[in-house]
C-alpha atoms as a PDB file:
ATOM      1  CA  PHE A   1      71.027 -91.169 137.977  1.00  0.00           C
ATOM      2  CA  SER A   2      68.606 -88.572 139.285  1.00  0.00           C
ATOM      3  CA  LYS A   3      66.576 -88.762 136.057  1.00  0.00           C
ATOM      4  CA  VAL A   4      65.515 -92.375 136.593  1.00  0.00           C
ATOM      5  CA  ASP A   5      61.733 -92.673 136.743  1.00  0.00           C
ATOM      6  CA  ALA A   6      59.156 -95.274 137.722  1.00  0.00           C
ATOM      7  CA  ASP A   7      58.620 -96.292 134.090  1.00  0.00           C
ATOM      8  CA  ASP A   8      62.333 -97.116 133.719  1.00  0.00           C
ATOM      9  CA  LEU A   9      62.113 -99.576 136.586  1.00  0.00           C
ATOM     10  CA  LEU A  10      58.864-101.076 135.371  1.00  0.00           C
ATOM     11  CA  SER A  11      60.464-101.619 131.947  1.00  0.00           C
ATOM     12  CA  LEU A  12      63.311-103.523 133.617  1.00  0.00           C
ATOM     13  CA  THR A  13      60.863-105.947 135.199  1.00  0.00           C
ATOM     14  CA  ASP A  14      59.346-106.608 131.779  1.00  0.00           C
ATOM     15  CA  ALA A  15      62.740-107.147 130.108  1.00  0.00           C
ATOM     16  CA  VAL A  16      63.637-110.406 131.865  1.00  0.00           C
ATOM     17  CA  SER A  17      62.313-113.797 130.806  1.00  0.00           C
ATOM     18  CA  GLU A  18      59.516-115.496 132.716  1.00  0.00           C
ATOM     19  CA  ALA A  19      61.969-118.150 133.883  1.00  0.00           C
ATOM     20  CA  ALA A  20      64.062-115.469 135.624  1.00  0.00           C
ATOM     21  CA  GLU A  21      61.118-113.713 137.287  1.00  0.00           C
ATOM     22  CA  ARG A  22      60.639-116.283 140.023  1.00  0.00           C
ATOM     23  CA  ASP A  23      63.561-115.118 142.170  1.00  0.00           C
ATOM     24  CA  ALA A  24      64.164-111.709 140.622  1.00  0.00           C
ATOM     25  CA  GLY A  25      65.030-108.506 142.413  1.00  0.00           C
ATOM     26  CA  PHE A  26      66.635-105.108 141.892  1.00  0.00           C
ATOM     27  CA  PHE A  27      70.367-104.653 142.527  1.00  0.00           C
ATOM     28  CA  LEU A  28      71.671-101.146 143.215  1.00  0.00           C
ATOM     29  CA  HIS A  29      73.889 -98.971 145.399  1.00  0.00           C
ATOM     30  CA  LYS A  30      72.293 -97.537 148.553  1.00  0.00           C
ATOM     31  CA  ASN A  31      72.797 -93.974 147.229  1.00  0.00           C
ATOM     32  CA  ILE A  32      70.715 -94.790 144.161  1.00  0.00           C
ATOM     33  CA  LEU A  33      67.984 -96.203 146.394  1.00  0.00           C
ATOM     34  CA  ALA A  34      67.584 -92.699 147.835  1.00  0.00           C
ATOM     35  CA  TYR A  35      66.464 -91.479 144.382  1.00  0.00           C
ATOM     36  CA  LEU A  36      64.057 -94.381 143.979  1.00  0.00           C
ATOM     37  CA  ARG A  37      62.425 -93.834 147.346  1.00  0.00           C
ATOM     38  CA  LYS A  38      61.106 -90.500 146.031  1.00  0.00           C
ATOM     39  CA  LEU A  39      59.562 -91.925 142.831  1.00  0.00           C
ATOM     40  CA  LYS A  40      55.789 -92.058 142.346  1.00  0.00           C
ATOM     41  CA  ASP A  41      53.578 -93.825 139.843  1.00  0.00           C
ATOM     42  CA  SER A  42      51.012 -92.063 137.625  1.00  0.00           C
ATOM     43  CA  ASN A  43      48.531 -92.059 140.546  1.00  0.00           C
ATOM     44  CA  GLY A  44      50.934 -90.223 142.837  1.00  0.00           C
ATOM     45  CA  GLN A  45      51.687 -93.352 144.907  1.00  0.00           C
ATOM     46  CA  TYR A  46      55.263 -94.121 145.902  1.00  0.00           C
ATOM     47  CA  ILE A  47      56.636 -97.180 144.101  1.00  0.00           C
ATOM     48  CA  TRP A  48      58.953 -97.978 147.010  1.00  0.00           C
ATOM     49  CA  ASP A  49      57.166 -99.941 149.713  1.00  0.00           C
ATOM     50  CA  ARG A  50      58.468 -99.418 153.213  1.00  0.00           C
ATOM     51  CA  PRO A  51      59.513-102.399 155.249  1.00  0.00           C
ATOM     52  CA  GLY A  52      56.702-103.514 157.527  1.00  0.00           C
ATOM     53  CA  ALA A  53      56.168-106.153 160.184  1.00  0.00           C
ATOM     54  CA  ASN A  54      58.337-109.039 158.946  1.00  0.00           C
ATOM     55  CA  VAL A  55      58.060-107.716 155.359  1.00  0.00           C
ATOM     56  CA  PRO A  56      61.177-106.268 153.696  1.00  0.00           C
ATOM     57  CA  GLY A  57      61.048-103.127 151.565  1.00  0.00           C
ATOM     58  CA  SER A  58      60.373-103.533 147.853  1.00  0.00           C
ATOM     59  CA  ILE A  59      60.169-101.653 144.544  1.00  0.00           C
ATOM     60  CA  TRP A  60      57.014-102.343 142.529  1.00  0.00           C
ATOM     61  CA  GLY A  61      56.515-105.242 144.948  1.00  0.00           C
ATOM     62  CA  GLU A  62      59.889-106.754 144.009  1.00  0.00           C
ATOM     63  CA  PRO A  63      62.769-107.129 146.506  1.00  0.00           C
ATOM     64  CA  TYR A  64      65.861-104.986 146.228  1.00  0.00           C
ATOM     65  CA  TYR A  65      69.432-105.694 147.232  1.00  0.00           C
ATOM     66  CA  LYS A  66      72.010-103.013 148.016  1.00  0.00           C
ATOM     67  CA  SER A  67      75.591-103.488 146.871  1.00  0.00           C
ATOM     68  CA  GLY A  68      78.558-101.231 147.448  1.00  0.00           C
ATOM     69  CA  LYS A  69      80.115-102.675 144.265  1.00  0.00           C
ATOM     70  CA  LEU A  70      77.546-100.984 142.009  1.00  0.00           C
ATOM     71  CA  PRO A  71      77.918 -97.309 140.989  1.00  0.00           C
ATOM     72  CA  LYS A  72      76.885 -94.737 143.589  1.00  0.00           C
ATOM     73  CA  ALA A  73      75.396 -91.316 142.912  1.00  0.00           C
ATOM     74  CA  ALA A  74      78.847 -89.681 142.605  1.00  0.00           C
ATOM     75  CA  ASP A  75      79.887 -92.182 139.892  1.00  0.00           C
ATOM     76  CA  SER A  76      77.609 -90.775 137.196  1.00  0.00           C
ATOM     77  CA  GLY A  77      78.910 -90.989 133.643  1.00  0.00           C
ATOM     78  CA  VAL A  78      78.063 -91.803 130.037  1.00  0.00           C
ATOM     79  CA  SER A  79      76.438 -95.226 129.497  1.00  0.00           C
ATOM     80  CA  LYS A  80      77.058 -96.161 133.145  1.00  0.00           C
ATOM     81  CA  LYS A  81      75.164 -99.303 134.218  1.00  0.00           C
ATOM     82  CA  PHE A  82      73.731 -98.612 137.661  1.00  0.00           C
ATOM     83  CA  ILE A  83      70.647-100.775 138.325  1.00  0.00           C
ATOM     84  CA  ALA A  84      70.147-104.437 137.439  1.00  0.00           C
ATOM     85  CA  TYR A  85      66.987-106.503 137.703  1.00  0.00           C
ATOM     86  CA  GLY A  86      66.709-110.255 137.503  1.00  0.00           C
ATOM     87  CA  SER A  87      67.660-113.484 139.189  1.00  0.00           C
ATOM     88  CA  LEU A  88      71.199-114.349 140.211  1.00  0.00           C
ATOM     89  CA  LYS A  89      70.261-118.034 140.170  1.00  0.00           C
ATOM     90  CA  ASN A  90      71.032-117.861 136.443  1.00  0.00           C
ATOM     91  CA  VAL A  91      74.561-116.534 136.992  1.00  0.00           C
ATOM     92  CA  PHE A  92      77.263-119.176 137.188  1.00  0.00           C
ATOM     93  CA  PHE A  93      80.752-118.924 138.661  1.00  0.00           C
ATOM     94  CA  GLY A  94      83.669-121.175 137.768  1.00  0.00           C
ATOM     95  CA  ASP A  95      87.423-121.416 138.119  1.00  0.00           C
ATOM     96  CA  ARG A  96      89.445-119.988 135.251  1.00  0.00           C
ATOM     97  CA  LYS A  97      92.644-121.054 136.895  1.00  0.00           C
ATOM     98  CA  GLN A  98      93.299-123.088 139.989  1.00  0.00           C
ATOM     99  CA  MET A  99      93.955-121.038 143.134  1.00  0.00           C
ATOM    100  CA  THR A 100      97.654-120.460 143.806  1.00  0.00           C
ATOM    101  CA  ILE A 101      99.364-119.613 147.070  1.00  0.00           C
ATOM    102  CA  ALA A 102     102.833-118.060 147.368  1.00  0.00           C
ATOM    103  CA  LEU A 103     104.828-117.624 150.567  1.00  0.00           C
ATOM    104  CA  ALA A 104     107.415-114.835 150.825  1.00  0.00           C
ATOM    105  CA  THR A 105     109.955-114.297 153.605  1.00  0.00           C
ATOM    106  CA  GLU A 106     112.279-111.819 151.872  1.00  0.00           C
ATOM    107  CA  ALA A 107     109.927-109.129 150.647  1.00  0.00           C
ATOM    108  CA  THR A 108     108.975-105.621 151.642  1.00  0.00           C
ATOM    109  CA  VAL A 109     105.299-105.014 152.320  1.00  0.00           C
ATOM    110  CA  GLY A 110     104.643-101.310 152.815  1.00  0.00           C
ATOM    111  CA  ALA A 111     107.428-100.284 155.215  1.00  0.00           C
ATOM    112  CA  ASP A 112     107.827-103.790 156.685  1.00  0.00           C
ATOM    113  CA  LYS A 113     110.880-105.782 155.628  1.00  0.00           C
ATOM    114  CA  LEU A 114     109.696-109.325 156.233  1.00  0.00           C
ATOM    115  CA  PHE A 115     113.140-110.952 156.667  1.00  0.00           C
ATOM    116  CA  GLU A 116     114.349-108.352 159.196  1.00  0.00           C
ATOM    117  CA  GLN A 117     111.207-108.696 161.302  1.00  0.00           C
ATOM    118  CA  ASP A 118     110.990-112.508 161.110  1.00  0.00           C
ATOM    119  CA  MET A 119     107.692-112.251 159.244  1.00  0.00           C
ATOM    120  CA  SER A 120     106.149-114.021 156.271  1.00  0.00           C
ATOM    121  CA  GLY A 121     103.854-112.778 153.547  1.00  0.00           C
ATOM    122  CA  LEU A 122     101.167-114.849 151.876  1.00  0.00           C
ATOM    123  CA  ARG A 123      99.717-114.121 148.433  1.00  0.00           C
ATOM    124  CA  VAL A 124      96.619-115.970 147.281  1.00  0.00           C
ATOM    125  CA  THR A 125      95.537-115.639 143.648  1.00  0.00           C
ATOM    126  CA  GLU A 126      92.242-116.893 142.267  1.00  0.00           C
ATOM    127  CA  ARG A 127      90.733-116.316 138.843  1.00  0.00           C
ATOM    128  CA  ILE A 128      87.064-116.915 138.278  1.00  0.00           C
ATOM    129  CA  ALA A 129      84.724-116.764 135.323  1.00  0.00           C
ATOM    130  CA  ILE A 130      81.185-115.431 135.519  1.00  0.00           C
ATOM    131  CA  GLU A 131      78.603-116.425 132.934  1.00  0.00           C
ATOM    132  CA  ILE A 132      74.906-115.700 132.656  1.00  0.00           C
ATOM    133  CA  GLY A 133      73.226-119.007 131.879  1.00  0.00           C
ATOM    134  CA  LEU A 134      70.008-117.519 130.569  1.00  0.00           C
ATOM    135  CA  GLY A 135      70.491-114.435 128.387  1.00  0.00           C
ATOM    136  CA  GLU A 136      67.275-112.761 129.502  1.00  0.00           C
ATOM    137  CA  ALA A 137      67.942-113.424 133.206  1.00  0.00           C
ATOM    138  CA  LEU A 138      69.175-109.896 133.906  1.00  0.00           C
ATOM    139  CA  ALA A 139      68.151-106.492 132.593  1.00  0.00           C
ATOM    140  CA  VAL A 140      70.328-103.431 133.200  1.00  0.00           C
ATOM    141  CA  LEU A 141      69.476 -99.742 133.448  1.00  0.00           C
ATOM    142  CA  LYS A 142      72.214 -97.348 132.352  1.00  0.00           C
ATOM    143  CA  THR A 143      72.700 -93.639 131.915  1.00  0.00           C
ATOM    144  CA  ALA A 144      72.347 -91.902 128.539  1.00  0.00           C
ATOM    145  CA  ALA A 145      74.944 -92.570 125.843  1.00  0.00           C
ATOM    146  CA  SER A 146      75.827 -88.878 125.604  1.00  0.00           C
END
């Protein structure tokens, strides 16, 4: 992760289609943002723009969004996807299976025996599908293959 450079990020912005550029941004873990905040362009200028008066921070003038679900600095590995760029308006979610709800009164949850303590347990299961509607809507930066 520490070897990412300004050119890598600029290449990501060029890899998405024009249709996806309108609402595009970078998606990354906050630990990875720490690396990016140190990056400079060929003129020695930082590519990360600090937040200003009513203006959020940006990378190459593009917004960024932090997510704890993306790999953090300690998660480094081979071919690990760690930064995405594009628009989530082209990502669609749908039900794969209808949501189910199950009620249990005679189960053990951790050390709690539900029946003995006059308690109930509730299990909710949902399965969703995620599909990218426009193939060039997202570009991903990953670590080296070896």
